[in-house]
């Protein structure tokens, strides 16, 4: 049986990996069911699922600590990427231009994602706690979805404008919003679909927490 700290460490590793992977891979755009979206869509929703589950079992302060830890990791990765892109290549390295294009473009994406990540995650934690008080700790599915859906809209809007606004002549406000809405609706679908996983994760965390409390009471 894993302890609380072990479980939090596992979730922090997954949480941090998801946000870094989303940033490094997020420049690739794919089209699914006629909607253009970043490949980051496949990992980023994990972050909201994890913070909601952690906030539910261990409180919003613990969830904030997880967000802050991932933020530090992301800033370090941004600094390393910027340095790697700026350093002149060795004479035998033939792929510097491709490297610069891929990771150089990632810098703006990563900055946009960092700002959107901090604001949307802190809102998600605040909103989850707000709805938890309003529902007196009941209706986890409702609290999870209300907080995540609004937070995903904040994240998508901030990210799209910071990453793509005026990137090319056609990327005006109206065009960016035309990208935001369908992308956000896809995220809403993910948020609704992950509800059973939130319950499963909360039960997993509570099992360890209750066992530790019982063990402490027997001492």
C-alpha atoms as a PDB file:
ATOM      1  CA  UNK A   1       0.000   0.000   0.000  1.00  0.00           C
ATOM      2  CA  UNK A   2       1.400   3.387  -0.963  1.00  0.00           C
ATOM      3  CA  UNK A   3       1.618   6.259   1.508  1.00  0.00           C
ATOM      4  CA  UNK A   4       0.188   9.729   0.974  1.00  0.00           C
ATOM      5  CA  UNK A   5       3.619  11.097   0.106  1.00  0.00           C
ATOM      6  CA  UNK A   6       4.288   8.337  -2.410  1.00  0.00           C
ATOM      7  CA  UNK A   7       0.971   8.953  -4.133  1.00  0.00           C
ATOM      8  CA  UNK A   8       1.523  12.702  -4.246  1.00  0.00           C
ATOM      9  CA  UNK A   9       5.001  12.149  -5.678  1.00  0.00           C
ATOM     10  CA  UNK A  10       3.579   9.924  -8.428  1.00  0.00           C
ATOM     11  CA  UNK A  11       0.893  12.473  -9.274  1.00  0.00           C
ATOM     12  CA  UNK A  12       3.401  15.345  -9.240  1.00  0.00           C
ATOM     13  CA  UNK A  13       5.593  13.412 -11.683  1.00  0.00           C
ATOM     14  CA  UNK A  14       2.631  12.787 -14.019  1.00  0.00           C
ATOM     15  CA  UNK A  15       1.410  16.377 -13.634  1.00  0.00           C
ATOM     16  CA  UNK A  16       4.831  17.870 -14.428  1.00  0.00           C
ATOM     17  CA  UNK A  17       5.457  15.459 -17.305  1.00  0.00           C
ATOM     18  CA  UNK A  18       2.075  16.345 -18.823  1.00  0.00           C
ATOM     19  CA  UNK A  19       2.656  20.103 -18.741  1.00  0.00           C
ATOM     20  CA  UNK A  20       6.212  19.843 -20.122  1.00  0.00           C
ATOM     21  CA  UNK A  21       5.174  17.366 -22.833  1.00  0.00           C
ATOM     22  CA  UNK A  22       2.274  19.621 -23.812  1.00  0.00           C
ATOM     23  CA  UNK A  23       4.657  22.544 -24.234  1.00  0.00           C
ATOM     24  CA  UNK A  24       7.419  20.754 -26.122  1.00  0.00           C
ATOM     25  CA  UNK A  25       5.063  18.921 -28.483  1.00  0.00           C
ATOM     26  CA  UNK A  26       2.307  21.526 -28.663  1.00  0.00           C
ATOM     27  CA  UNK A  27       3.506  23.231 -31.847  1.00  0.00           C
ATOM     28  CA  UNK A  28       2.215  20.347 -33.961  1.00  0.00           C
ATOM     29  CA  UNK A  29      -1.358  20.853 -35.131  1.00  0.00           C
ATOM     30  CA  UNK A  30      -3.582  17.957 -36.138  1.00  0.00           C
ATOM     31  CA  UNK A  31      -7.126  17.847 -37.489  1.00  0.00           C
ATOM     32  CA  UNK A  32      -9.629  15.538 -35.813  1.00  0.00           C
ATOM     33  CA  UNK A  33     -13.287  15.517 -36.894  1.00  0.00           C
ATOM     34  CA  UNK A  34     -12.659  18.714 -38.828  1.00  0.00           C
ATOM     35  CA  UNK A  35     -11.254  20.590 -35.821  1.00  0.00           C
ATOM     36  CA  UNK A  36      -7.657  21.777 -35.808  1.00  0.00           C
ATOM     37  CA  UNK A  37      -5.969  21.304 -32.451  1.00  0.00           C
ATOM     38  CA  UNK A  38      -2.586  20.949 -30.853  1.00  0.00           C
ATOM     39  CA  UNK A  39      -1.389  17.457 -29.966  1.00  0.00           C
ATOM     40  CA  UNK A  40      -1.124  18.823 -26.414  1.00  0.00           C
ATOM     41  CA  UNK A  41      -4.858  18.125 -26.115  1.00  0.00           C
ATOM     42  CA  UNK A  42      -4.009  14.499 -25.386  1.00  0.00           C
ATOM     43  CA  UNK A  43      -2.030  15.223 -22.205  1.00  0.00           C
ATOM     44  CA  UNK A  44      -2.990  18.669 -20.902  1.00  0.00           C
ATOM     45  CA  UNK A  45      -6.456  17.679 -19.544  1.00  0.00           C
ATOM     46  CA  UNK A  46      -4.645  15.379 -17.108  1.00  0.00           C
ATOM     47  CA  UNK A  47      -3.450  18.429 -15.188  1.00  0.00           C
ATOM     48  CA  UNK A  48      -6.959  19.586 -14.245  1.00  0.00           C
ATOM     49  CA  UNK A  49      -8.016  16.067 -13.336  1.00  0.00           C
ATOM     50  CA  UNK A  50      -5.049  15.701 -10.970  1.00  0.00           C
ATOM     51  CA  UNK A  51      -5.369  19.076  -9.227  1.00  0.00           C
ATOM     52  CA  UNK A  52      -9.104  18.570  -8.657  1.00  0.00           C
ATOM     53  CA  UNK A  53      -8.522  15.136  -7.126  1.00  0.00           C
ATOM     54  CA  UNK A  54      -5.687  16.405  -4.921  1.00  0.00           C
ATOM     55  CA  UNK A  55      -7.752  19.431  -3.826  1.00  0.00           C
ATOM     56  CA  UNK A  56     -10.676  17.144  -2.993  1.00  0.00           C
ATOM     57  CA  UNK A  57      -8.663  14.835  -0.729  1.00  0.00           C
ATOM     58  CA  UNK A  58      -5.782  16.950   0.608  1.00  0.00           C
ATOM     59  CA  UNK A  59      -7.061  20.509   0.184  1.00  0.00           C
ATOM     60  CA  UNK A  60      -6.432  23.427  -2.143  1.00  0.00           C
ATOM     61  CA  UNK A  61      -3.089  24.351  -0.592  1.00  0.00           C
ATOM     62  CA  UNK A  62      -1.624  20.975  -1.553  1.00  0.00           C
ATOM     63  CA  UNK A  63      -2.954  21.407  -5.089  1.00  0.00           C
ATOM     64  CA  UNK A  64      -1.365  24.876  -5.274  1.00  0.00           C
ATOM     65  CA  UNK A  65       1.980  23.438  -4.211  1.00  0.00           C
ATOM     66  CA  UNK A  66       1.755  20.969  -7.091  1.00  0.00           C
ATOM     67  CA  UNK A  67       1.046  23.769  -9.566  1.00  0.00           C
ATOM     68  CA  UNK A  68       3.937  25.870  -8.239  1.00  0.00           C
ATOM     69  CA  UNK A  69       6.349  22.920  -8.460  1.00  0.00           C
ATOM     70  CA  UNK A  70       5.355  22.250 -12.073  1.00  0.00           C
ATOM     71  CA  UNK A  71       5.682  25.968 -12.839  1.00  0.00           C
ATOM     72  CA  UNK A  72       9.284  25.963 -11.583  1.00  0.00           C
ATOM     73  CA  UNK A  73      10.035  22.889 -13.712  1.00  0.00           C
ATOM     74  CA  UNK A  74       8.521  24.564 -16.772  1.00  0.00           C
ATOM     75  CA  UNK A  75      10.546  27.762 -16.252  1.00  0.00           C
ATOM     76  CA  UNK A  76      13.743  25.691 -16.010  1.00  0.00           C
ATOM     77  CA  UNK A  77      12.865  23.833 -19.221  1.00  0.00           C
ATOM     78  CA  UNK A  78      12.174  27.169 -20.958  1.00  0.00           C
ATOM     79  CA  UNK A  79      15.568  28.501 -19.876  1.00  0.00           C
ATOM     80  CA  UNK A  80      17.366  25.361 -21.061  1.00  0.00           C
ATOM     81  CA  UNK A  81      15.543  25.422 -24.412  1.00  0.00           C
ATOM     82  CA  UNK A  82      16.393  29.114 -24.910  1.00  0.00           C
ATOM     83  CA  UNK A  83      20.060  28.416 -24.152  1.00  0.00           C
ATOM     84  CA  UNK A  84      20.142  25.358 -26.438  1.00  0.00           C
ATOM     85  CA  UNK A  85      18.646  27.342 -29.328  1.00  0.00           C
ATOM     86  CA  UNK A  86      21.036  30.277 -28.821  1.00  0.00           C
ATOM     87  CA  UNK A  87      24.253  28.255 -28.607  1.00  0.00           C
ATOM     88  CA  UNK A  88      26.155  27.999 -31.925  1.00  0.00           C
ATOM     89  CA  UNK A  89      26.239  24.460 -33.328  1.00  0.00           C
ATOM     90  CA  UNK A  90      29.359  22.375 -33.836  1.00  0.00           C
ATOM     91  CA  UNK A  91      30.616  22.238 -37.419  1.00  0.00           C
ATOM     92  CA  UNK A  92      29.607  18.591 -37.778  1.00  0.00           C
ATOM     93  CA  UNK A  93      26.029  19.227 -36.567  1.00  0.00           C
ATOM     94  CA  UNK A  94      23.929  19.521 -39.726  1.00  0.00           C
ATOM     95  CA  UNK A  95      20.456  19.951 -38.315  1.00  0.00           C
ATOM     96  CA  UNK A  96      20.707  23.228 -36.421  1.00  0.00           C
ATOM     97  CA  UNK A  97      18.170  25.046 -38.588  1.00  0.00           C
ATOM     98  CA  UNK A  98      15.555  22.335 -38.050  1.00  0.00           C
ATOM     99  CA  UNK A  99      16.407  22.273 -34.351  1.00  0.00           C
ATOM    100  CA  UNK A 100      16.043  26.049 -34.139  1.00  0.00           C
ATOM    101  CA  UNK A 101      12.726  26.026 -35.999  1.00  0.00           C
ATOM    102  CA  UNK A 102      11.221  23.310 -33.796  1.00  0.00           C
ATOM    103  CA  UNK A 103      12.466  24.498 -30.416  1.00  0.00           C
ATOM    104  CA  UNK A 104      12.657  28.208 -31.260  1.00  0.00           C
ATOM    105  CA  UNK A 105       8.947  28.223 -32.029  1.00  0.00           C
ATOM    106  CA  UNK A 106       8.383  26.327 -28.801  1.00  0.00           C
ATOM    107  CA  UNK A 107       9.645  29.301 -26.769  1.00  0.00           C
ATOM    108  CA  UNK A 108       6.661  31.517 -27.601  1.00  0.00           C
ATOM    109  CA  UNK A 109       4.352  28.530 -27.155  1.00  0.00           C
ATOM    110  CA  UNK A 110       5.940  27.737 -23.803  1.00  0.00           C
ATOM    111  CA  UNK A 111       5.692  31.348 -22.587  1.00  0.00           C
ATOM    112  CA  UNK A 112       2.033  31.512 -23.619  1.00  0.00           C
ATOM    113  CA  UNK A 113       1.361  28.165 -22.012  1.00  0.00           C
ATOM    114  CA  UNK A 114       3.148  29.163 -18.802  1.00  0.00           C
ATOM    115  CA  UNK A 115       0.996  32.271 -18.332  1.00  0.00           C
ATOM    116  CA  UNK A 116      -2.203  30.423 -19.276  1.00  0.00           C
ATOM    117  CA  UNK A 117      -1.228  27.473 -17.081  1.00  0.00           C
ATOM    118  CA  UNK A 118      -0.649  29.552 -13.938  1.00  0.00           C
ATOM    119  CA  UNK A 119      -3.829  31.607 -14.272  1.00  0.00           C
ATOM    120  CA  UNK A 120      -6.132  28.757 -15.325  1.00  0.00           C
ATOM    121  CA  UNK A 121      -4.817  26.290 -12.739  1.00  0.00           C
ATOM    122  CA  UNK A 122      -5.088  28.766  -9.884  1.00  0.00           C
ATOM    123  CA  UNK A 123      -8.619  29.602 -11.031  1.00  0.00           C
ATOM    124  CA  UNK A 124      -9.457  25.901 -11.220  1.00  0.00           C
ATOM    125  CA  UNK A 125      -8.272  25.307  -7.656  1.00  0.00           C
ATOM    126  CA  UNK A 126     -10.127  28.394  -6.391  1.00  0.00           C
ATOM    127  CA  UNK A 127     -13.324  27.476  -8.285  1.00  0.00           C
ATOM    128  CA  UNK A 128     -13.197  23.863  -7.115  1.00  0.00           C
ATOM    129  CA  UNK A 129     -12.889  25.018  -3.496  1.00  0.00           C
ATOM    130  CA  UNK A 130     -15.689  27.575  -4.008  1.00  0.00           C
ATOM    131  CA  UNK A 131     -18.089  24.966  -5.380  1.00  0.00           C
ATOM    132  CA  UNK A 132     -17.048  22.503  -2.698  1.00  0.00           C
ATOM    133  CA  UNK A 133     -18.217  24.967  -0.051  1.00  0.00           C
ATOM    134  CA  UNK A 134     -21.399  25.753  -1.972  1.00  0.00           C
ATOM    135  CA  UNK A 135     -22.297  22.057  -2.307  1.00  0.00           C
ATOM    136  CA  UNK A 136     -21.097  21.207   1.235  1.00  0.00           C
ATOM    137  CA  UNK A 137     -18.621  18.698  -0.135  1.00  0.00           C
ATOM    138  CA  UNK A 138     -21.194  16.840  -2.262  1.00  0.00           C
ATOM    139  CA  UNK A 139     -21.571  16.366  -6.033  1.00  0.00           C
ATOM    140  CA  UNK A 140     -17.913  15.887  -6.955  1.00  0.00           C
ATOM    141  CA  UNK A 141     -18.889  15.466 -10.629  1.00  0.00           C
ATOM    142  CA  UNK A 142     -20.529  18.907 -10.653  1.00  0.00           C
ATOM    143  CA  UNK A 143     -17.647  20.670  -8.882  1.00  0.00           C
ATOM    144  CA  UNK A 144     -15.076  19.013 -11.103  1.00  0.00           C
ATOM    145  CA  UNK A 145     -16.849  19.972 -14.314  1.00  0.00           C
ATOM    146  CA  UNK A 146     -17.851  23.513 -13.330  1.00  0.00           C
ATOM    147  CA  UNK A 147     -14.326  24.428 -12.258  1.00  0.00           C
ATOM    148  CA  UNK A 148     -12.603  22.672 -15.159  1.00  0.00           C
ATOM    149  CA  UNK A 149     -14.841  23.922 -17.969  1.00  0.00           C
ATOM    150  CA  UNK A 150     -14.417  27.592 -17.024  1.00  0.00           C
ATOM    151  CA  UNK A 151     -10.708  27.139 -16.323  1.00  0.00           C
ATOM    152  CA  UNK A 152     -10.220  25.453 -19.690  1.00  0.00           C
ATOM    153  CA  UNK A 153     -11.852  28.442 -21.384  1.00  0.00           C
ATOM    154  CA  UNK A 154      -9.457  30.783 -19.582  1.00  0.00           C
ATOM    155  CA  UNK A 155      -6.515  28.591 -20.501  1.00  0.00           C
ATOM    156  CA  UNK A 156      -7.509  28.295 -24.156  1.00  0.00           C
ATOM    157  CA  UNK A 157      -8.222  32.009 -24.595  1.00  0.00           C
ATOM    158  CA  UNK A 158      -5.036  33.202 -22.902  1.00  0.00           C
ATOM    159  CA  UNK A 159      -2.899  30.635 -24.666  1.00  0.00           C
ATOM    160  CA  UNK A 160      -4.298  31.272 -28.151  1.00  0.00           C
ATOM    161  CA  UNK A 161      -3.900  35.047 -27.933  1.00  0.00           C
ATOM    162  CA  UNK A 162      -0.413  34.971 -26.421  1.00  0.00           C
ATOM    163  CA  UNK A 163       0.820  32.235 -28.770  1.00  0.00           C
ATOM    164  CA  UNK A 164      -0.804  33.143 -32.083  1.00  0.00           C
ATOM    165  CA  UNK A 165      -2.220  36.701 -32.066  1.00  0.00           C
ATOM    166  CA  UNK A 166      -0.641  38.591 -35.009  1.00  0.00           C
ATOM    167  CA  UNK A 167       1.691  35.652 -35.677  1.00  0.00           C
ATOM    168  CA  UNK A 168       0.580  36.114 -39.299  1.00  0.00           C
ATOM    169  CA  UNK A 169      -1.620  38.772 -40.953  1.00  0.00           C
ATOM    170  CA  UNK A 170      -4.774  36.658 -40.721  1.00  0.00           C
ATOM    171  CA  UNK A 171      -4.326  35.981 -36.995  1.00  0.00           C
ATOM    172  CA  UNK A 172      -6.494  38.871 -35.822  1.00  0.00           C
ATOM    173  CA  UNK A 173      -8.823  38.747 -32.812  1.00  0.00           C
ATOM    174  CA  UNK A 174     -11.794  37.364 -34.776  1.00  0.00           C
ATOM    175  CA  UNK A 175      -9.716  34.590 -36.337  1.00  0.00           C
ATOM    176  CA  UNK A 176      -8.141  33.631 -33.023  1.00  0.00           C
ATOM    177  CA  UNK A 177     -11.593  33.396 -31.412  1.00  0.00           C
ATOM    178  CA  UNK A 178     -12.701  31.182 -34.301  1.00  0.00           C
ATOM    179  CA  UNK A 179      -9.910  28.819 -33.236  1.00  0.00           C
ATOM    180  CA  UNK A 180     -10.663  29.125 -29.519  1.00  0.00           C
ATOM    181  CA  UNK A 181     -14.301  28.021 -29.501  1.00  0.00           C
ATOM    182  CA  UNK A 182     -14.015  24.605 -31.208  1.00  0.00           C
ATOM    183  CA  UNK A 183     -10.755  23.866 -29.365  1.00  0.00           C
ATOM    184  CA  UNK A 184     -12.414  24.731 -26.044  1.00  0.00           C
ATOM    185  CA  UNK A 185     -15.423  22.550 -26.882  1.00  0.00           C
ATOM    186  CA  UNK A 186     -13.067  19.620 -27.441  1.00  0.00           C
ATOM    187  CA  UNK A 187     -11.578  20.309 -24.000  1.00  0.00           C
ATOM    188  CA  UNK A 188     -15.092  20.402 -22.518  1.00  0.00           C
ATOM    189  CA  UNK A 189     -15.710  16.962 -24.013  1.00  0.00           C
ATOM    190  CA  UNK A 190     -12.517  15.709 -22.403  1.00  0.00           C
ATOM    191  CA  UNK A 191     -13.557  17.265 -19.073  1.00  0.00           C
ATOM    192  CA  UNK A 192     -16.940  15.510 -19.142  1.00  0.00           C
ATOM    193  CA  UNK A 193     -15.353  12.218 -20.183  1.00  0.00           C
ATOM    194  CA  UNK A 194     -12.788  12.268 -17.377  1.00  0.00           C
ATOM    195  CA  UNK A 195     -15.425  12.410 -14.594  1.00  0.00           C
ATOM    196  CA  UNK A 196     -15.207   8.657 -13.805  1.00  0.00           C
ATOM    197  CA  UNK A 197     -11.421   8.977 -13.626  1.00  0.00           C
ATOM    198  CA  UNK A 198     -11.730  11.806 -11.084  1.00  0.00           C
ATOM    199  CA  UNK A 199     -13.822   9.543  -8.853  1.00  0.00           C
ATOM    200  CA  UNK A 200     -11.336   6.695  -9.292  1.00  0.00           C
ATOM    201  CA  UNK A 201      -8.383   8.946  -8.465  1.00  0.00           C
ATOM    202  CA  UNK A 202     -10.131  10.437  -5.425  1.00  0.00           C
ATOM    203  CA  UNK A 203     -10.947   6.947  -4.126  1.00  0.00           C
ATOM    204  CA  UNK A 204      -7.319   5.894  -4.622  1.00  0.00           C
ATOM    205  CA  UNK A 205      -6.065   8.910  -2.688  1.00  0.00           C
ATOM    206  CA  UNK A 206      -8.677   8.581   0.070  1.00  0.00           C
ATOM    207  CA  UNK A 207      -7.832   4.926   0.636  1.00  0.00           C
ATOM    208  CA  UNK A 208      -4.274   5.834   1.528  1.00  0.00           C
ATOM    209  CA  UNK A 209      -5.301   8.879   3.548  1.00  0.00           C
ATOM    210  CA  UNK A 210      -7.842   6.957   5.635  1.00  0.00           C
ATOM    211  CA  UNK A 211      -5.388   4.117   6.247  1.00  0.00           C
ATOM    212  CA  UNK A 212      -2.744   6.548   7.494  1.00  0.00           C
ATOM    213  CA  UNK A 213      -5.230   8.292   9.773  1.00  0.00           C
ATOM    214  CA  UNK A 214      -6.277   4.955  11.276  1.00  0.00           C
ATOM    215  CA  UNK A 215      -2.640   3.973  11.765  1.00  0.00           C
ATOM    216  CA  UNK A 216      -1.902   7.294  13.492  1.00  0.00           C
ATOM    217  CA  UNK A 217      -4.889   6.853  15.796  1.00  0.00           C
ATOM    218  CA  UNK A 218      -3.653   3.428  16.909  1.00  0.00           C
ATOM    219  CA  UNK A 219      -0.273   4.756  17.993  1.00  0.00           C
END
